[in-house]
Amino acid sequence: MAAPIASAATADGAGEETQVKAPGLNYFVFALFFIFGGITSLNDVILPKLKELFTLNYTQAMLIQFCFFTAYLVIGIPGAQLVKKIGYMRGAVVGLLTMMTGCLLFIPASQTATYGLFLLALFVLASGVVVVQVVTNPLISLLGPQKTVHSRLTFAQAFNSLGTTIFPRVGSALILGGLAGVTASELSGAQLDAYRTAESQAIVHTYIGLAVALAVIAAVVWAFRNRLQGEKHEQSSLLGGFQLLKRPRFGYGALCIFLYVGAEVSIGSLIVSYLMQGHVMGLEEQAAGNMIPYYWGGALVGRIIGSAVLRLASPGLILAACAAGAMTLLGISTHTTGAVSGYSLLAIGLMNSIMFPTIFSLACEKLGSKAADGSGIINIAIFGGAVVPLLTGVLADASGSLATAMILPAICYAIILGFGFYARRPA
């Protein structure tokens, strides 16, 4: 999952560079991109697991993504205000410890076999992710010249994609690999509760391991909390950033962030169910889960390539081409069968690769001293990851067809294509 940055331009918006002195800090930022990207992508693995355990329809299952990405709506601006007050490094510690707390909440959720508690744990976990993103994204723009911010952010997002590629593979083996020979739909009463508790232990063990890792990382960050030199923050009102939506370029870009995250999450959430269909690839649950890394791995490859290509061609036109490619692949997937259908859906990850950083940097050109406010609004726009997947699930349940439900992500990409063409010239 990608995340917003704040521009490093000065108040006059002319592109004069402002950088902080922190040798080696870029490696720290890359590591955080890897961590929160990986944790976010685990939703694609636990979604089919909880869908089976609690016998959910697609709409109910998509509440997992809804609760996770609602944190961006609720925490986005307060998180940015917190980071302004206590600084980047201390803000990172707060975010990491909040993520750790969310991971530990999976323990009571499993012991009580309560779906609502799983959703609460995901919301708390996501709240920490939001704060960490508020820290890492502005730092990317500050750790280098403004003229290379498009390619530098895309390169940093490659580490995010590395996490989203590795974590689902490991999570699939740990979480989906131990499914019992019976299903929740065959049980009731005390037997059903016992089954849910036992089967959800795989989720608990995975997230306890993550909690330990997050505690260690938080301790390391705290030890280096005073390392960052030249850090400055412009104070603003809590809701002042919403005035930026009056700027057509920024408002259109914020809408596209909403739609892009929604489309990306919708497809990632349904990969397992989609590939398990008999007319597609007919895979077992764990085998389908093992295919998720191909989707996110495409984004990894694309971001590495894109970090170089974006230096050579118009970012807006490249964005439009990628959106057109995603629409084409969706059309192929939903109108074919077998491996062609499955792999064309997975290949959309390659098209997604440069979308988030390119949309953001195009939307935020010339924001100058209001860049931090723009970053807060973009954080809220990531709420699209809650809304669009839920609507996609509703459409899947209403139509009885996952292929029909893919119309919604296709519409999202069509609007993004328009923005790429609109923003093809500098602001």
Protein backbone atom coordinates (compact mmCIF):
# COMPACT_ATOMS: atom_id res chain seq x y z
CA MET A 1 0.00 0.00 0.00
CA ALA A 2 1.31 3.37 -0.90
CA ALA A 3 1.26 6.55 1.14
CA PRO A 4 1.43 10.34 0.82
CA ILE A 5 4.36 12.68 1.12
CA ALA A 6 4.72 16.36 1.77
CA SER A 7 6.53 18.52 -0.73
CA ALA A 8 9.86 20.05 0.18
CA ALA A 9 9.22 23.30 -1.69
CA THR A 10 9.35 26.63 0.05
CA ALA A 11 6.42 28.91 0.75
CA ASP A 12 6.55 30.69 -2.58
CA GLY A 13 6.13 27.35 -4.35
CA ALA A 14 9.00 28.04 -6.70
CA GLY A 15 10.68 24.77 -5.96
CA GLU A 16 13.57 26.05 -3.84
CA GLU A 17 14.88 23.05 -1.98
CA THR A 18 14.70 22.43 1.75
CA GLN A 19 16.55 19.41 3.05
CA VAL A 20 17.31 17.98 6.49
CA LYS A 21 20.68 16.73 7.61
CA ALA A 22 20.36 13.05 8.49
CA PRO A 23 22.94 10.80 6.80
CA GLY A 24 21.66 7.25 6.46
CA LEU A 25 18.13 8.14 7.49
CA ASN A 26 16.87 7.08 4.07
CA TYR A 27 17.52 3.45 5.04
CA PHE A 28 15.35 3.90 8.11
CA VAL A 29 12.56 5.30 5.95
CA PHE A 30 12.87 2.42 3.47
CA ALA A 31 12.55 -0.07 6.37
CA LEU A 32 9.35 1.59 7.60
CA PHE A 33 7.88 1.53 4.08
CA PHE A 34 8.62 -2.21 4.01
CA ILE A 35 6.96 -2.84 7.39
CA PHE A 36 3.70 -0.96 6.97
CA GLY A 37 3.33 -2.17 3.38
CA GLY A 38 3.68 -5.77 4.46
CA ILE A 39 1.28 -5.47 7.38
CA THR A 40 -1.36 -3.80 5.19
CA SER A 41 -1.14 -6.58 2.59
CA LEU A 42 -1.81 -9.26 5.23
CA ASN A 43 -5.45 -8.14 5.09
CA ASP A 44 -5.66 -9.99 1.77
CA VAL A 45 -4.73 -13.20 3.61
CA ILE A 46 -6.84 -12.90 6.75
CA LEU A 47 -9.91 -11.79 4.77
CA PRO A 48 -10.62 -15.22 3.23
CA LYS A 49 -9.72 -16.88 6.54
CA LEU A 50 -12.23 -14.83 8.54
CA LYS A 51 -14.77 -15.09 5.71
CA GLU A 52 -14.73 -18.87 6.15
CA LEU A 53 -14.56 -18.88 9.97
CA PHE A 54 -17.53 -16.53 10.39
CA THR A 55 -19.42 -17.67 7.24
CA LEU A 56 -19.48 -14.14 5.83
CA ASN A 57 -20.73 -12.90 2.48
CA TYR A 58 -18.50 -10.58 0.42
CA THR A 59 -20.01 -7.42 1.87
CA GLN A 60 -19.43 -8.58 5.44
CA ALA A 61 -15.91 -9.76 4.65
CA MET A 62 -15.03 -6.40 3.10
CA LEU A 63 -15.68 -4.81 6.50
CA ILE A 64 -12.10 -5.92 7.21
CA GLN A 65 -10.82 -3.40 4.68
CA PHE A 66 -13.47 -0.89 5.68
CA CYS A 67 -12.38 -0.83 9.34
CA PHE A 68 -8.69 -0.81 8.39
CA PHE A 69 -8.88 2.08 5.95
CA THR A 70 -11.40 4.06 8.00
CA ALA A 71 -8.41 4.81 10.23
CA TYR A 72 -7.12 7.09 7.48
CA LEU A 73 -10.30 9.16 7.71
CA VAL A 74 -10.26 9.31 11.51
CA ILE A 75 -6.54 9.49 12.27
CA GLY A 76 -5.09 11.22 9.18
CA ILE A 77 -5.23 14.87 10.25
CA PRO A 78 -4.85 14.30 14.03
CA GLY A 79 -1.85 12.11 13.25
CA ALA A 80 -0.28 14.88 11.19
CA GLN A 81 -0.88 17.37 14.04
CA LEU A 82 0.76 14.97 16.50
CA VAL A 83 3.85 14.59 14.32
CA LYS A 84 4.11 18.39 13.97
CA LYS A 85 4.08 18.66 17.76
CA ILE A 86 6.51 15.91 18.78
CA GLY A 87 8.63 15.52 15.64
CA TYR A 88 9.23 12.78 13.08
CA MET A 89 11.23 10.28 15.15
CA ARG A 90 9.04 10.41 18.25
CA GLY A 91 6.01 10.28 15.99
CA ALA A 92 7.37 7.10 14.45
CA VAL A 93 7.67 5.55 17.92
CA VAL A 94 4.04 6.42 18.71
CA GLY A 95 2.92 4.87 15.42
CA LEU A 96 4.95 1.69 15.93
CA LEU A 97 3.66 1.18 19.48
CA THR A 98 0.08 1.72 18.30
CA MET A 99 0.62 -0.90 15.61
CA MET A 100 1.99 -3.27 18.28
CA THR A 101 -1.14 -2.70 20.40
CA GLY A 102 -3.35 -3.55 17.42
CA CYS A 103 -1.45 -6.79 16.86
CA LEU A 104 -1.88 -7.80 20.52
CA LEU A 105 -5.66 -7.17 20.32
CA PHE A 106 -5.89 -10.23 18.09
CA ILE A 107 -5.43 -12.32 21.26
CA PRO A 108 -8.78 -11.43 22.93
CA ALA A 109 -10.45 -11.43 19.51
CA SER A 110 -9.43 -15.06 19.01
CA GLN A 111 -10.19 -16.16 22.58
CA THR A 112 -13.76 -14.83 22.34
CA ALA A 113 -14.18 -15.83 18.66
CA THR A 114 -15.75 -12.41 18.01
CA TYR A 115 -15.60 -10.92 14.52
CA GLY A 116 -16.18 -7.41 15.87
CA LEU A 117 -13.03 -7.61 18.01
CA PHE A 118 -10.98 -8.62 14.98
CA LEU A 119 -12.29 -5.52 13.23
CA LEU A 120 -11.37 -3.36 16.24
CA ALA A 121 -7.85 -4.82 16.29
CA LEU A 122 -7.45 -3.99 12.61
CA PHE A 123 -8.61 -0.41 13.18
CA VAL A 124 -6.07 0.13 15.98
CA LEU A 125 -3.33 -1.49 13.89
CA ALA A 126 -4.20 0.77 10.96
CA SER A 127 -4.19 3.85 13.20
CA GLY A 128 -0.54 3.15 13.93
CA VAL A 129 0.17 2.62 10.24
CA VAL A 130 -1.33 6.04 9.46
CA VAL A 131 0.94 7.79 11.97
CA VAL A 132 4.02 5.98 10.62
CA GLN A 133 3.08 7.06 7.10
CA VAL A 134 2.68 10.66 8.22
CA VAL A 135 6.30 10.41 9.40
CA THR A 136 7.91 8.58 6.50
CA ASN A 137 6.32 10.34 3.56
CA PRO A 138 7.47 13.93 4.20
CA LEU A 139 10.95 12.62 5.00
CA ILE A 140 11.26 11.16 1.50
CA SER A 141 10.78 14.60 -0.01
CA LEU A 142 13.20 16.20 2.44
CA LEU A 143 16.01 13.69 1.91
CA GLY A 144 16.89 14.84 -1.59
CA PRO A 145 16.39 17.50 -4.27
CA GLN A 146 12.86 18.55 -5.26
CA LYS A 147 13.50 17.92 -8.96
CA THR A 148 13.78 14.16 -8.42
CA VAL A 149 10.87 13.78 -5.98
CA HIS A 150 8.75 11.78 -8.51
CA SER A 151 11.40 9.12 -9.05
CA ARG A 152 12.67 9.15 -5.44
CA LEU A 153 9.21 8.53 -4.00
CA THR A 154 8.57 5.79 -6.55
CA PHE A 155 11.85 4.12 -5.55
CA ALA A 156 10.90 4.33 -1.86
CA GLN A 157 7.52 2.81 -2.69
CA ALA A 158 9.41 -0.17 -4.10
CA PHE A 159 10.29 -1.12 -0.52
CA ASN A 160 6.61 -0.84 0.33
CA SER A 161 5.93 -3.26 -2.52
CA LEU A 162 8.70 -5.57 -1.31
CA GLY A 163 6.81 -5.87 1.97
CA THR A 164 3.49 -6.45 0.22
CA THR A 165 5.16 -9.20 -1.82
CA ILE A 166 6.86 -11.07 1.02
CA PHE A 167 4.30 -10.78 3.83
CA PRO A 168 1.34 -12.40 1.98
CA ARG A 169 3.52 -15.36 0.98
CA VAL A 170 4.56 -16.00 4.57
CA GLY A 171 1.10 -15.17 5.89
CA SER A 172 -0.55 -17.54 3.46
CA ALA A 173 1.56 -20.43 4.74
CA LEU A 174 1.00 -19.52 8.41
CA ILE A 175 -2.66 -18.47 8.30
CA LEU A 176 -4.25 -20.37 5.40
CA GLY A 177 -2.06 -23.46 5.56
CA GLY A 178 -3.70 -24.88 8.68
CA LEU A 179 -7.34 -24.92 7.65
CA ALA A 180 -9.17 -27.87 9.17
CA GLY A 181 -10.95 -30.59 7.23
CA VAL A 182 -14.34 -29.15 8.19
CA THR A 183 -15.79 -25.71 7.60
CA ALA A 184 -17.64 -23.29 9.87
CA SER A 185 -20.80 -23.75 7.82
CA GLU A 186 -20.95 -27.40 8.95
CA LEU A 187 -20.88 -26.57 12.68
CA SER A 188 -23.02 -24.75 15.23
CA GLY A 189 -23.15 -23.81 18.90
CA ALA A 190 -20.21 -24.68 21.14
CA GLN A 191 -18.53 -26.69 18.40
CA LEU A 192 -18.55 -23.67 16.11
CA ASP A 193 -17.09 -21.40 18.82
CA ALA A 194 -14.36 -23.93 19.58
CA TYR A 195 -13.56 -24.29 15.87
CA ARG A 196 -13.29 -20.54 15.39
CA THR A 197 -11.04 -20.15 18.43
CA ALA A 198 -8.75 -22.98 17.35
CA GLU A 199 -8.50 -21.94 13.71
CA SER A 200 -7.93 -18.26 14.51
CA GLN A 201 -4.85 -19.17 16.56
CA ALA A 202 -2.84 -19.12 13.34
CA ILE A 203 -3.76 -15.44 12.95
CA VAL A 204 -2.90 -14.71 16.58
CA HIS A 205 0.54 -16.33 16.40
CA THR A 206 1.36 -14.38 13.24
CA TYR A 207 0.41 -11.03 14.76
CA ILE A 208 2.14 -11.75 18.08
CA GLY A 209 5.34 -12.26 16.11
CA LEU A 210 4.74 -8.92 14.40
CA ALA A 211 4.11 -7.24 17.77
CA VAL A 212 7.50 -8.40 19.06
CA ALA A 213 9.24 -7.14 15.92
CA LEU A 214 7.47 -3.76 16.17
CA ALA A 215 8.51 -3.39 19.81
CA VAL A 216 12.16 -3.94 18.88
CA ILE A 217 11.98 -1.44 16.01
CA ALA A 218 10.29 1.15 18.25
CA ALA A 219 13.11 0.78 20.76
CA VAL A 220 15.72 1.35 18.05
CA VAL A 221 13.93 4.44 16.73
CA TRP A 222 13.64 5.84 20.26
CA ALA A 223 17.38 5.40 20.76
CA PHE A 224 17.99 7.63 17.70
CA ARG A 225 15.15 10.07 18.40
CA ASN A 226 17.47 13.12 18.44
CA ARG A 227 19.41 12.30 15.29
CA LEU A 228 17.30 14.31 12.86
CA GLN A 229 18.70 17.83 12.34
CA GLY A 230 16.99 20.77 10.63
CA GLU A 231 13.44 19.53 11.21
CA LYS A 232 10.81 22.27 10.82
CA HIS A 233 7.01 22.22 10.87
CA GLU A 234 4.53 24.93 9.90
CA GLN A 235 1.59 25.03 12.26
CA SER A 236 -1.92 25.22 10.80
CA SER A 237 -5.51 24.74 11.87
CA LEU A 238 -6.82 21.21 12.14
CA LEU A 239 -9.15 21.58 9.15
CA GLY A 240 -7.27 24.26 7.23
CA GLY A 241 -6.06 21.83 4.60
CA PHE A 242 -9.57 21.31 3.23
CA GLN A 243 -9.29 24.73 1.55
CA LEU A 244 -6.82 23.10 -0.83
CA LEU A 245 -9.66 21.09 -2.36
CA LYS A 246 -10.77 24.31 -4.07
CA ARG A 247 -7.69 24.01 -6.30
CA PRO A 248 -8.85 21.94 -9.31
CA ARG A 249 -5.56 20.10 -9.75
CA PHE A 250 -5.29 19.14 -6.08
CA GLY A 251 -8.99 18.30 -5.72
CA TYR A 252 -8.95 16.07 -8.80
CA GLY A 253 -5.76 14.42 -7.57
CA ALA A 254 -7.22 13.76 -4.11
CA LEU A 255 -10.25 12.13 -5.73
CA CYS A 256 -7.93 9.92 -7.78
CA ILE A 257 -6.03 8.85 -4.66
CA PHE A 258 -9.39 7.84 -3.17
CA LEU A 259 -10.27 5.84 -6.28
CA TYR A 260 -6.82 4.34 -6.83
CA VAL A 261 -6.47 2.95 -3.29
CA GLY A 262 -10.03 1.68 -3.51
CA ALA A 263 -9.41 -0.14 -6.79
CA GLU A 264 -6.07 -1.58 -5.67
CA VAL A 265 -7.48 -2.87 -2.37
CA SER A 266 -10.66 -4.22 -4.00
CA ILE A 267 -8.70 -6.37 -6.43
CA GLY A 268 -6.17 -7.50 -3.81
CA SER A 269 -8.96 -8.46 -1.40
CA LEU A 270 -10.74 -10.65 -3.96
CA ILE A 271 -7.71 -12.38 -5.51
CA VAL A 272 -8.08 -15.55 -3.41
CA SER A 273 -11.82 -15.91 -4.04
CA TYR A 274 -11.40 -14.97 -7.72
CA LEU A 275 -8.68 -17.56 -8.40
CA MET A 276 -10.60 -20.28 -6.52
CA GLN A 277 -13.46 -20.06 -9.05
CA GLY A 278 -13.72 -23.16 -11.21
CA HIS A 279 -13.83 -21.24 -14.49
CA VAL A 280 -10.72 -19.23 -13.57
CA MET A 281 -7.98 -21.41 -12.01
CA GLY A 282 -9.90 -23.57 -9.52
CA LEU A 283 -7.18 -23.32 -6.86
CA GLU A 284 -7.37 -24.41 -3.25
CA GLU A 285 -7.40 -21.61 -0.68
CA GLN A 286 -3.72 -21.73 0.29
CA ALA A 287 -2.62 -22.10 -3.33
CA ALA A 288 -4.70 -19.07 -4.26
CA GLY A 289 -3.22 -17.18 -1.32
CA ASN A 290 0.25 -17.98 -2.61
CA MET A 291 -0.62 -16.08 -5.80
CA ILE A 292 -1.16 -12.77 -3.97
CA PRO A 293 2.60 -11.95 -4.04
CA TYR A 294 2.47 -11.91 -7.85
CA TYR A 295 -0.03 -9.04 -7.68
CA TRP A 296 2.05 -7.01 -5.24
CA GLY A 297 5.31 -8.19 -6.83
CA GLY A 298 4.20 -6.59 -10.09
CA ALA A 299 4.01 -3.29 -8.25
CA LEU A 300 7.51 -3.87 -6.90
CA VAL A 301 8.96 -4.44 -10.38
CA GLY A 302 7.01 -1.54 -11.82
CA ARG A 303 8.20 0.88 -9.17
CA ILE A 304 11.82 -0.01 -9.73
CA ILE A 305 11.41 0.52 -13.47
CA GLY A 306 9.18 3.54 -12.97
CA SER A 307 11.71 5.36 -10.78
CA ALA A 308 13.93 5.57 -13.88
CA VAL A 309 11.24 6.09 -16.53
CA LEU A 310 9.64 8.99 -14.64
CA ARG A 311 12.88 10.94 -15.08
CA LEU A 312 12.59 10.67 -18.86
CA ALA A 313 8.92 11.15 -19.78
CA SER A 314 5.84 13.09 -18.70
CA PRO A 315 4.58 11.63 -15.37
CA GLY A 316 1.00 12.50 -16.34
CA LEU A 317 1.14 10.59 -19.61
CA ILE A 318 2.82 7.61 -17.93
CA LEU A 319 0.01 7.62 -15.34
CA ALA A 320 -2.63 7.69 -18.09
CA ALA A 321 -0.93 4.79 -19.90
CA CYS A 322 -0.83 2.68 -16.72
CA ALA A 323 -4.51 3.37 -15.99
CA ALA A 324 -5.40 2.34 -19.55
CA GLY A 325 -3.34 -0.82 -19.08
CA ALA A 326 -5.17 -1.68 -15.86
CA MET A 327 -8.55 -1.27 -17.57
CA THR A 328 -7.42 -3.48 -20.44
CA LEU A 329 -6.21 -6.24 -18.12
CA LEU A 330 -9.49 -6.12 -16.16
CA GLY A 331 -11.39 -6.51 -19.43
CA ILE A 332 -9.25 -9.49 -20.45
CA SER A 333 -9.59 -11.16 -17.05
CA THR A 334 -13.37 -10.83 -16.84
CA HIS A 335 -13.96 -12.02 -20.42
CA THR A 336 -11.65 -15.05 -20.47
CA THR A 337 -11.20 -18.22 -18.43
CA GLY A 338 -8.41 -20.32 -16.97
CA ALA A 339 -4.84 -19.11 -16.54
CA VAL A 340 -5.36 -16.15 -18.88
CA SER A 341 -8.14 -14.83 -16.66
CA GLY A 342 -6.14 -15.37 -13.48
CA TYR A 343 -2.79 -14.00 -14.57
CA SER A 344 -4.25 -10.96 -16.32
CA LEU A 345 -5.89 -9.99 -13.01
CA LEU A 346 -2.58 -10.46 -11.16
CA ALA A 347 -0.74 -8.39 -13.79
CA ILE A 348 -2.76 -5.32 -12.79
CA GLY A 349 -0.26 -4.97 -9.94
CA LEU A 350 2.32 -3.92 -12.54
CA MET A 351 -0.02 -1.19 -13.79
CA ASN A 352 -0.66 0.00 -10.23
CA SER A 353 3.04 0.45 -9.54
CA ILE A 354 3.61 4.14 -10.22
CA MET A 355 0.04 5.35 -9.72
CA PHE A 356 0.03 6.46 -6.10
CA PRO A 357 3.30 8.41 -5.98
CA THR A 358 2.64 9.93 -9.39
CA ILE A 359 -0.93 11.01 -8.58
CA PHE A 360 0.23 12.52 -5.32
CA SER A 361 3.22 14.40 -6.65
CA LEU A 362 1.20 15.75 -9.61
CA ALA A 363 -1.63 16.88 -7.35
CA CYS A 364 0.69 18.56 -4.85
CA GLU A 365 2.87 20.52 -7.26
CA LYS A 366 3.39 24.13 -6.13
CA LEU A 367 1.65 23.73 -2.77
CA GLY A 368 4.69 25.29 -1.12
CA SER A 369 4.23 25.88 2.62
CA LYS A 370 0.83 24.17 2.48
CA ALA A 371 2.43 20.85 1.54
CA ALA A 372 1.93 19.33 5.00
CA ASP A 373 -1.77 20.22 4.88
CA GLY A 374 -1.97 18.60 1.46
CA SER A 375 -0.39 15.46 2.88
CA GLY A 376 -3.05 15.34 5.59
CA ILE A 377 -5.85 15.57 3.02
CA ILE A 378 -4.25 12.80 0.98
CA ASN A 379 -4.18 10.68 4.11
CA ILE A 380 -7.94 11.12 4.35
CA ALA A 381 -8.34 10.28 0.65
CA ILE A 382 -6.82 6.84 1.34
CA PHE A 383 -10.21 6.20 2.96
CA GLY A 384 -11.12 5.03 -0.55
CA GLY A 385 -9.61 1.73 0.55
CA ALA A 386 -12.58 1.39 2.90
CA VAL A 387 -15.39 2.58 0.63
CA VAL A 388 -14.66 1.13 -2.81
CA PRO A 389 -13.93 -2.46 -1.61
CA LEU A 390 -17.13 -2.45 0.45
CA LEU A 391 -19.15 -1.30 -2.58
CA THR A 392 -17.38 -3.92 -4.70
CA GLY A 393 -18.43 -6.57 -2.18
CA VAL A 394 -22.03 -5.31 -2.30
CA LEU A 395 -21.94 -5.51 -6.10
CA ALA A 396 -20.52 -9.04 -5.97
CA ASP A 397 -23.27 -10.20 -3.60
CA ALA A 398 -26.02 -8.46 -5.60
CA SER A 399 -24.87 -9.81 -8.97
CA GLY A 400 -23.53 -13.16 -7.78
CA SER A 401 -20.46 -12.54 -9.97
CA LEU A 402 -16.96 -11.37 -9.06
CA ALA A 403 -16.40 -10.51 -12.72
CA THR A 404 -19.34 -8.10 -12.65
CA ALA A 405 -18.03 -6.56 -9.43
CA MET A 406 -14.78 -5.68 -11.21
CA ILE A 407 -16.68 -3.00 -13.14
CA LEU A 408 -16.23 -0.69 -10.15
CA PRO A 409 -12.38 -0.80 -10.12
CA ALA A 410 -12.46 -0.32 -13.92
CA ILE A 411 -14.44 2.91 -13.49
CA CYS A 412 -11.88 4.09 -10.93
CA TYR A 413 -9.04 3.54 -13.40
CA ALA A 414 -10.95 5.39 -16.13
CA ILE A 415 -11.17 8.52 -13.95
CA ILE A 416 -7.45 8.21 -13.09
CA LEU A 417 -6.66 8.04 -16.80
CA GLY A 418 -8.40 11.38 -17.22
CA PHE A 419 -6.35 12.94 -14.43
CA GLY A 420 -3.09 11.76 -15.99
CA PHE A 421 -3.99 13.50 -19.24
CA TYR A 422 -5.22 16.60 -17.36
CA ALA A 423 -2.00 16.91 -15.32
CA ARG A 424 0.40 16.06 -18.15
CA ARG A 425 1.88 19.57 -18.00
CA PRO A 426 3.56 21.13 -14.91
CA ALA A 427 1.28 23.09 -12.59
